Amino acid sequence: MPKIIVAVDGYSSCGKSTTAKGVAAYLGYAYIDTGAMYRAVTLYFYTHHVALTNPKEVSRALENIKIDFKRNQETGRNETYLNGLNVEDEIRKLYIANWVSEVSAVSEVRKAMVAQQQRMARNRGVVMDGRDIGTVVFPDAELKVFMTAEPEIRAQRRQIELLQKGEMLDLDDILANIRKRDLIDTTRADSPLKQAENAVLVDTSFMTLDEQIDLVTRLADEKISESIRKNNTAL
């Protein structure tokens, strides 16, 4: 059976990662959380006081960064490792969220991460979510999905996620962070967040996660069937 690339782009807290994980599990594909990669870089830059305005310093730091994903056998979740250290919980904290868009906007960072992401999916059969997967990383992806939702709803979802991890943050602070990230993500010079021309727009404001996963898996099945038909026609 032919394997495809599923590119899931969109704004933060729209359910991209959870949807992508569910689709990957359904298809039996690898799941790659590109947002976690940028968060891991942000954590490294933060702890090593890397100046974003110094290209040489940024390039030097990137040479010392190794990011891996490992499946936790007890919880079943994909966890992010930075230079061998499990940083999954740390990279989800608000101080990282407050800075990740600025780090992601640095051209040297994006080039390094895009190259790594393309290597991860060289044999296809992956579901990848992020901000520029369908536009820059894999413009030839068979299925592109662009997810959005109302900022207020996204802020509420983010607050619930943080509460589940024991963090209590004011909703207005979370909403301010979301609006700031949206502005930086959509206006940066290098690989801005935007919907690819052939991407399917999915507004998740009033959708459950199961509905989101069901929709994208149906779209993926259609693309796989389409690939099969094309292959059969070519024979």
C-alpha atoms as a PDB file:
ATOM      1  CA  MET A   1       0.000   0.000   0.000  1.00  0.00           C
ATOM      2  CA  PRO A   2       1.414   3.442  -0.902  1.00  0.00           C
ATOM      3  CA  LYS A   3       2.445   5.678   1.967  1.00  0.00           C
ATOM      4  CA  ILE A   4       1.651   9.370   2.065  1.00  0.00           C
ATOM      5  CA  ILE A   5       2.682  12.418   4.058  1.00  0.00           C
ATOM      6  CA  VAL A   6      -0.021  14.100   6.137  1.00  0.00           C
ATOM      7  CA  ALA A   7       0.855  17.732   6.888  1.00  0.00           C
ATOM      8  CA  VAL A   8      -1.166  19.365   9.670  1.00  0.00           C
ATOM      9  CA  ASP A   9      -0.560  23.105  10.029  1.00  0.00           C
ATOM     10  CA  GLY A  10      -2.343  25.802  11.968  1.00  0.00           C
ATOM     11  CA  TYR A  11      -2.513  28.009  15.012  1.00  0.00           C
ATOM     12  CA  SER A  12      -1.539  26.982  18.534  1.00  0.00           C
ATOM     13  CA  SER A  13      -4.055  25.165  20.746  1.00  0.00           C
ATOM     14  CA  CYS A  14      -6.299  24.118  17.862  1.00  0.00           C
ATOM     15  CA  GLY A  15      -5.827  20.424  18.602  1.00  0.00           C
ATOM     16  CA  LYS A  16      -3.171  19.900  15.915  1.00  0.00           C
ATOM     17  CA  SER A  17      -0.893  17.626  17.918  1.00  0.00           C
ATOM     18  CA  THR A  18      -3.634  15.451  19.391  1.00  0.00           C
ATOM     19  CA  THR A  19      -5.306  15.123  16.002  1.00  0.00           C
ATOM     20  CA  ALA A  20      -2.003  14.310  14.286  1.00  0.00           C
ATOM     21  CA  LYS A  21      -1.210  11.660  16.916  1.00  0.00           C
ATOM     22  CA  GLY A  22      -4.622  10.062  16.460  1.00  0.00           C
ATOM     23  CA  VAL A  23      -4.293  10.022  12.670  1.00  0.00           C
ATOM     24  CA  ALA A  24      -0.774   8.556  12.898  1.00  0.00           C
ATOM     25  CA  ALA A  25      -2.010   5.805  15.211  1.00  0.00           C
ATOM     26  CA  TYR A  26      -4.897   5.002  12.852  1.00  0.00           C
ATOM     27  CA  LEU A  27      -2.639   4.838   9.788  1.00  0.00           C
ATOM     28  CA  GLY A  28       0.242   3.107  11.574  1.00  0.00           C
ATOM     29  CA  TYR A  29       2.497   6.028  10.623  1.00  0.00           C
ATOM     30  CA  ALA A  30       5.231   7.806  12.549  1.00  0.00           C
ATOM     31  CA  TYR A  31       4.163  11.019  14.282  1.00  0.00           C
ATOM     32  CA  ILE A  32       6.541  13.997  14.310  1.00  0.00           C
ATOM     33  CA  ASP A  33       5.753  16.954  16.564  1.00  0.00           C
ATOM     34  CA  THR A  34       7.675  19.813  14.962  1.00  0.00           C
ATOM     35  CA  GLY A  35       6.353  22.250  17.543  1.00  0.00           C
ATOM     36  CA  ALA A  36       8.120  20.225  20.222  1.00  0.00           C
ATOM     37  CA  MET A  37      11.335  20.498  18.233  1.00  0.00           C
ATOM     38  CA  TYR A  38      11.153  24.292  18.230  1.00  0.00           C
ATOM     39  CA  ARG A  39      10.234  24.286  21.909  1.00  0.00           C
ATOM     40  CA  ALA A  40      13.272  22.122  22.665  1.00  0.00           C
ATOM     41  CA  VAL A  41      15.505  24.553  20.795  1.00  0.00           C
ATOM     42  CA  THR A  42      13.895  27.391  22.753  1.00  0.00           C
ATOM     43  CA  LEU A  43      14.636  25.629  26.041  1.00  0.00           C
ATOM     44  CA  TYR A  44      18.269  25.150  25.044  1.00  0.00           C
ATOM     45  CA  PHE A  45      18.604  28.788  23.987  1.00  0.00           C
ATOM     46  CA  TYR A  46      16.936  29.941  27.212  1.00  0.00           C
ATOM     47  CA  THR A  47      19.144  27.885  29.525  1.00  0.00           C
ATOM     48  CA  HIS A  48      22.321  28.736  27.595  1.00  0.00           C
ATOM     49  CA  HIS A  49      21.482  32.445  27.194  1.00  0.00           C
ATOM     50  CA  VAL A  50      21.811  32.353  23.405  1.00  0.00           C
ATOM     51  CA  ALA A  51      21.389  35.790  21.798  1.00  0.00           C
ATOM     52  CA  LEU A  52      18.926  35.578  18.912  1.00  0.00           C
ATOM     53  CA  THR A  53      20.523  38.627  17.294  1.00  0.00           C
ATOM     54  CA  ASN A  54      23.905  36.907  16.991  1.00  0.00           C
ATOM     55  CA  PRO A  55      23.863  34.524  13.968  1.00  0.00           C
ATOM     56  CA  LYS A  56      27.222  32.956  14.848  1.00  0.00           C
ATOM     57  CA  GLU A  57      26.097  32.253  18.406  1.00  0.00           C
ATOM     58  CA  VAL A  58      22.826  30.774  17.143  1.00  0.00           C
ATOM     59  CA  SER A  59      24.611  28.539  14.610  1.00  0.00           C
ATOM     60  CA  ARG A  60      27.089  27.386  17.251  1.00  0.00           C
ATOM     61  CA  ALA A  61      24.254  26.499  19.626  1.00  0.00           C
ATOM     62  CA  LEU A  62      22.363  24.572  16.938  1.00  0.00           C
ATOM     63  CA  GLU A  63      25.423  22.371  16.382  1.00  0.00           C
ATOM     64  CA  ASN A  64      25.105  21.228  20.004  1.00  0.00           C
ATOM     65  CA  ILE A  65      21.409  20.365  19.858  1.00  0.00           C
ATOM     66  CA  LYS A  66      20.145  16.817  19.290  1.00  0.00           C
ATOM     67  CA  ILE A  67      16.408  16.197  19.437  1.00  0.00           C
ATOM     68  CA  ASP A  68      14.797  12.754  19.631  1.00  0.00           C
ATOM     69  CA  PHE A  69      11.309  11.405  20.207  1.00  0.00           C
ATOM     70  CA  LYS A  70      10.765   8.322  22.341  1.00  0.00           C
ATOM     71  CA  ARG A  71       7.572   6.512  23.202  1.00  0.00           C
ATOM     72  CA  ASN A  72       6.908   6.171  26.939  1.00  0.00           C
ATOM     73  CA  GLN A  73       5.968   2.520  27.415  1.00  0.00           C
ATOM     74  CA  GLU A  74       3.957   3.257  30.577  1.00  0.00           C
ATOM     75  CA  THR A  75       1.890   6.204  29.344  1.00  0.00           C
ATOM     76  CA  GLY A  76       2.014   5.474  25.610  1.00  0.00           C
ATOM     77  CA  ARG A  77       2.809   9.096  24.819  1.00  0.00           C
ATOM     78  CA  ASN A  78       5.535  10.436  22.572  1.00  0.00           C
ATOM     79  CA  GLU A  79       8.107  12.349  24.627  1.00  0.00           C
ATOM     80  CA  THR A  80      10.720  14.872  23.541  1.00  0.00           C
ATOM     81  CA  TYR A  81      14.386  14.410  24.425  1.00  0.00           C
ATOM     82  CA  LEU A  82      16.940  17.206  24.217  1.00  0.00           C
ATOM     83  CA  ASN A  83      20.521  15.939  24.193  1.00  0.00           C
ATOM     84  CA  GLY A  84      19.401  12.750  25.901  1.00  0.00           C
ATOM     85  CA  LEU A  85      17.281  14.466  28.577  1.00  0.00           C
ATOM     86  CA  ASN A  86      13.489  14.090  28.746  1.00  0.00           C
ATOM     87  CA  VAL A  87      12.161  17.655  28.449  1.00  0.00           C
ATOM     88  CA  GLU A  88       8.556  16.876  27.502  1.00  0.00           C
ATOM     89  CA  ASP A  89       6.987  18.579  30.518  1.00  0.00           C
ATOM     90  CA  GLU A  90       9.419  21.496  30.686  1.00  0.00           C
ATOM     91  CA  ILE A  91       8.917  22.577  27.063  1.00  0.00           C
ATOM     92  CA  ARG A  92       5.150  22.856  27.599  1.00  0.00           C
ATOM     93  CA  LYS A  93       5.473  25.562  30.246  1.00  0.00           C
ATOM     94  CA  LEU A  94       4.342  29.131  29.604  1.00  0.00           C
ATOM     95  CA  TYR A  95       7.816  30.697  29.752  1.00  0.00           C
ATOM     96  CA  ILE A  96       8.782  28.540  26.754  1.00  0.00           C
ATOM     97  CA  ALA A  97       5.502  29.349  24.985  1.00  0.00           C
ATOM     98  CA  ASN A  98       6.229  33.046  25.506  1.00  0.00           C
ATOM     99  CA  TRP A  99       9.522  32.808  23.609  1.00  0.00           C
ATOM    100  CA  VAL A 100       9.148  29.956  21.138  1.00  0.00           C
ATOM    101  CA  SER A 101       7.693  32.043  18.304  1.00  0.00           C
ATOM    102  CA  GLU A 102      10.620  34.463  18.468  1.00  0.00           C
ATOM    103  CA  VAL A 103      13.125  31.594  18.383  1.00  0.00           C
ATOM    104  CA  SER A 104      11.208  29.919  15.556  1.00  0.00           C
ATOM    105  CA  ALA A 105      11.378  33.110  13.512  1.00  0.00           C
ATOM    106  CA  VAL A 106      15.185  32.945  13.337  1.00  0.00           C
ATOM    107  CA  SER A 107      16.194  31.768   9.852  1.00  0.00           C
ATOM    108  CA  GLU A 108      19.113  29.641  11.072  1.00  0.00           C
ATOM    109  CA  VAL A 109      16.797  27.789  13.457  1.00  0.00           C
ATOM    110  CA  ARG A 110      14.161  27.145  10.807  1.00  0.00           C
ATOM    111  CA  LYS A 111      16.698  25.894   8.253  1.00  0.00           C
ATOM    112  CA  ALA A 112      18.195  23.458  10.765  1.00  0.00           C
ATOM    113  CA  MET A 113      14.802  22.113  11.886  1.00  0.00           C
ATOM    114  CA  VAL A 114      13.379  21.859   8.352  1.00  0.00           C
ATOM    115  CA  ALA A 115      16.400  19.836   7.216  1.00  0.00           C
ATOM    116  CA  GLN A 116      15.968  17.485  10.172  1.00  0.00           C
ATOM    117  CA  GLN A 117      12.218  17.141   9.563  1.00  0.00           C
ATOM    118  CA  GLN A 118      12.755  16.313   5.890  1.00  0.00           C
ATOM    119  CA  ARG A 119      15.248  13.590   6.837  1.00  0.00           C
ATOM    120  CA  MET A 120      12.745  12.101   9.295  1.00  0.00           C
ATOM    121  CA  ALA A 121      10.135  11.726   6.540  1.00  0.00           C
ATOM    122  CA  ARG A 122      12.305  10.772   3.580  1.00  0.00           C
ATOM    123  CA  ASN A 123      10.463   7.433   3.251  1.00  0.00           C
ATOM    124  CA  ARG A 124       6.998   9.048   3.708  1.00  0.00           C
ATOM    125  CA  GLY A 125       4.479   7.315   5.959  1.00  0.00           C
ATOM    126  CA  VAL A 126       4.466  10.156   8.506  1.00  0.00           C
ATOM    127  CA  VAL A 127       2.025  12.585  10.070  1.00  0.00           C
ATOM    128  CA  MET A 128       3.725  15.879  10.881  1.00  0.00           C
ATOM    129  CA  ASP A 129       2.198  18.931  12.519  1.00  0.00           C
ATOM    130  CA  GLY A 130       3.535  22.452  12.776  1.00  0.00           C
ATOM    131  CA  ARG A 131       3.330  25.874  11.161  1.00  0.00           C
ATOM    132  CA  ASP A 132       4.951  25.425   7.744  1.00  0.00           C
ATOM    133  CA  ILE A 133       4.773  21.713   6.967  1.00  0.00           C
ATOM    134  CA  GLY A 134       2.496  22.012   3.940  1.00  0.00           C
ATOM    135  CA  THR A 135       4.061  25.218   2.648  1.00  0.00           C
ATOM    136  CA  VAL A 136       7.803  24.759   3.225  1.00  0.00           C
ATOM    137  CA  VAL A 137       8.812  21.404   4.710  1.00  0.00           C
ATOM    138  CA  PHE A 138       6.640  19.202   2.456  1.00  0.00           C
ATOM    139  CA  PRO A 139       4.943  21.265  -0.250  1.00  0.00           C
ATOM    140  CA  ASP A 140       4.411  17.943  -2.062  1.00  0.00           C
ATOM    141  CA  ALA A 141       2.521  16.322   0.836  1.00  0.00           C
ATOM    142  CA  GLU A 142      -0.431  14.302  -0.425  1.00  0.00           C
ATOM    143  CA  LEU A 143      -2.716  15.626   2.333  1.00  0.00           C
ATOM    144  CA  LYS A 144      -2.496  19.121   3.794  1.00  0.00           C
ATOM    145  CA  VAL A 145      -4.759  20.270   6.601  1.00  0.00           C
ATOM    146  CA  PHE A 146      -4.868  23.785   8.058  1.00  0.00           C
ATOM    147  CA  MET A 147      -6.460  24.053  11.502  1.00  0.00           C
ATOM    148  CA  THR A 148      -7.843  27.158  13.161  1.00  0.00           C
ATOM    149  CA  ALA A 149     -10.159  28.106  16.046  1.00  0.00           C
ATOM    150  CA  GLU A 150     -11.337  31.213  17.867  1.00  0.00           C
ATOM    151  CA  PRO A 151      -8.545  32.659  20.088  1.00  0.00           C
ATOM    152  CA  GLU A 152     -10.764  32.688  23.176  1.00  0.00           C
ATOM    153  CA  ILE A 153     -11.601  29.009  22.743  1.00  0.00           C
ATOM    154  CA  ARG A 154      -7.938  28.171  22.208  1.00  0.00           C
ATOM    155  CA  ALA A 155      -7.044  30.029  25.409  1.00  0.00           C
ATOM    156  CA  GLN A 156      -9.642  28.065  27.370  1.00  0.00           C
ATOM    157  CA  ARG A 157      -8.292  24.779  26.005  1.00  0.00           C
ATOM    158  CA  ARG A 158      -4.741  25.786  26.906  1.00  0.00           C
ATOM    159  CA  GLN A 159      -5.800  26.725  30.430  1.00  0.00           C
ATOM    160  CA  ILE A 160      -7.400  23.297  30.906  1.00  0.00           C
ATOM    161  CA  GLU A 161      -4.204  21.587  29.669  1.00  0.00           C
ATOM    162  CA  LEU A 162      -2.110  23.564  32.136  1.00  0.00           C
ATOM    163  CA  LEU A 163      -4.508  22.872  35.000  1.00  0.00           C
ATOM    164  CA  GLN A 164      -4.208  19.156  34.309  1.00  0.00           C
ATOM    165  CA  LYS A 165      -0.446  19.577  34.780  1.00  0.00           C
ATOM    166  CA  GLY A 166      -0.876  21.478  38.027  1.00  0.00           C
ATOM    167  CA  GLU A 167      -0.316  24.975  36.623  1.00  0.00           C
ATOM    168  CA  MET A 168      -2.888  27.687  37.357  1.00  0.00           C
ATOM    169  CA  LEU A 169      -2.604  30.661  35.006  1.00  0.00           C
ATOM    170  CA  ASP A 170      -4.916  33.591  34.365  1.00  0.00           C
ATOM    171  CA  LEU A 171      -6.997  33.188  31.206  1.00  0.00           C
ATOM    172  CA  ASP A 172      -6.168  36.735  30.079  1.00  0.00           C
ATOM    173  CA  ASP A 173      -2.430  35.969  30.273  1.00  0.00           C
ATOM    174  CA  ILE A 174      -2.883  32.839  28.180  1.00  0.00           C
ATOM    175  CA  LEU A 175      -4.994  34.713  25.622  1.00  0.00           C
ATOM    176  CA  ALA A 176      -2.352  37.443  25.411  1.00  0.00           C
ATOM    177  CA  ASN A 177       0.313  34.804  24.786  1.00  0.00           C
ATOM    178  CA  ILE A 178      -1.785  33.204  22.036  1.00  0.00           C
ATOM    179  CA  ARG A 179      -2.388  36.533  20.279  1.00  0.00           C
ATOM    180  CA  LYS A 180       1.321  37.389  20.510  1.00  0.00           C
ATOM    181  CA  ARG A 181       2.322  34.017  19.033  1.00  0.00           C
ATOM    182  CA  ASP A 182      -0.251  34.363  16.235  1.00  0.00           C
ATOM    183  CA  LEU A 183       1.160  37.769  15.284  1.00  0.00           C
ATOM    184  CA  ILE A 184       4.771  36.575  15.247  1.00  0.00           C
ATOM    185  CA  ASP A 185       3.953  33.310  13.452  1.00  0.00           C
ATOM    186  CA  THR A 186       1.954  34.974  10.675  1.00  0.00           C
ATOM    187  CA  THR A 187       4.248  37.969  10.074  1.00  0.00           C
ATOM    188  CA  ARG A 188       7.758  36.495  10.337  1.00  0.00           C
ATOM    189  CA  ALA A 189       9.898  36.855   7.218  1.00  0.00           C
ATOM    190  CA  ASP A 190      10.975  33.203   7.081  1.00  0.00           C
ATOM    191  CA  SER A 191       8.240  30.587   6.524  1.00  0.00           C
ATOM    192  CA  PRO A 192       5.259  32.466   7.984  1.00  0.00           C
ATOM    193  CA  LEU A 193       2.191  30.573   9.111  1.00  0.00           C
ATOM    194  CA  LYS A 194      -0.318  30.508   6.269  1.00  0.00           C
ATOM    195  CA  GLN A 195      -2.722  28.101   4.662  1.00  0.00           C
ATOM    196  CA  ALA A 196      -1.320  26.254   1.668  1.00  0.00           C
ATOM    197  CA  GLU A 197      -3.384  26.713  -1.484  1.00  0.00           C
ATOM    198  CA  ASN A 198      -4.426  23.057  -1.586  1.00  0.00           C
ATOM    199  CA  ALA A 199      -4.896  22.582   2.166  1.00  0.00           C
ATOM    200  CA  VAL A 200      -8.233  21.616   3.697  1.00  0.00           C
ATOM    201  CA  LEU A 201      -9.359  24.277   6.201  1.00  0.00           C
ATOM    202  CA  VAL A 202     -10.662  22.839   9.476  1.00  0.00           C
ATOM    203  CA  ASP A 203     -12.168  25.170  12.099  1.00  0.00           C
ATOM    204  CA  THR A 204     -12.073  23.230  15.371  1.00  0.00           C
ATOM    205  CA  SER A 205     -13.832  25.862  17.506  1.00  0.00           C
ATOM    206  CA  PHE A 206     -16.849  23.642  18.056  1.00  0.00           C
ATOM    207  CA  MET A 207     -15.435  20.218  17.196  1.00  0.00           C
ATOM    208  CA  THR A 208     -14.471  17.489  19.626  1.00  0.00           C
ATOM    209  CA  LEU A 209     -11.051  15.874  19.287  1.00  0.00           C
ATOM    210  CA  ASP A 210     -12.691  12.648  18.091  1.00  0.00           C
ATOM    211  CA  GLU A 211     -14.491  14.587  15.356  1.00  0.00           C
ATOM    212  CA  GLN A 212     -11.220  16.211  14.305  1.00  0.00           C
ATOM    213  CA  ILE A 213      -9.415  12.872  14.125  1.00  0.00           C
ATOM    214  CA  ASP A 214     -12.301  11.224  12.261  1.00  0.00           C
ATOM    215  CA  LEU A 215     -12.344  14.004   9.662  1.00  0.00           C
ATOM    216  CA  VAL A 216      -8.611  13.919   8.970  1.00  0.00           C
ATOM    217  CA  THR A 217      -8.449  10.112   8.871  1.00  0.00           C
ATOM    218  CA  ARG A 218     -11.250  10.097   6.282  1.00  0.00           C
ATOM    219  CA  LEU A 219      -9.305  12.624   4.219  1.00  0.00           C
ATOM    220  CA  ALA A 220      -6.155  10.495   4.547  1.00  0.00           C
ATOM    221  CA  ASP A 221      -7.997   7.337   3.473  1.00  0.00           C
ATOM    222  CA  GLU A 222      -9.261   9.194   0.402  1.00  0.00           C
ATOM    223  CA  LYS A 223      -5.723  10.285  -0.518  1.00  0.00           C
ATOM    224  CA  ILE A 224      -4.355   6.766  -0.061  1.00  0.00           C
ATOM    225  CA  SER A 225      -7.134   5.347  -2.239  1.00  0.00           C
ATOM    226  CA  GLU A 226      -6.353   8.000  -4.819  1.00  0.00           C
ATOM    227  CA  SER A 227      -2.679   6.977  -4.788  1.00  0.00           C
ATOM    228  CA  ILE A 228      -3.644   3.331  -5.258  1.00  0.00           C
ATOM    229  CA  ARG A 229      -5.832   4.231  -8.256  1.00  0.00           C
ATOM    230  CA  LYS A 230      -2.997   6.256  -9.817  1.00  0.00           C
ATOM    231  CA  ASN A 231      -0.545   3.389  -9.315  1.00  0.00           C
ATOM    232  CA  ASN A 232      -2.952   0.882 -10.859  1.00  0.00           C
ATOM    233  CA  THR A 233      -3.554   3.170 -13.833  1.00  0.00           C
ATOM    234  CA  ALA A 234       0.194   3.535 -14.388  1.00  0.00           C
ATOM    235  CA  LEU A 235       0.691  -0.269 -14.530  1.00  0.00           C
END
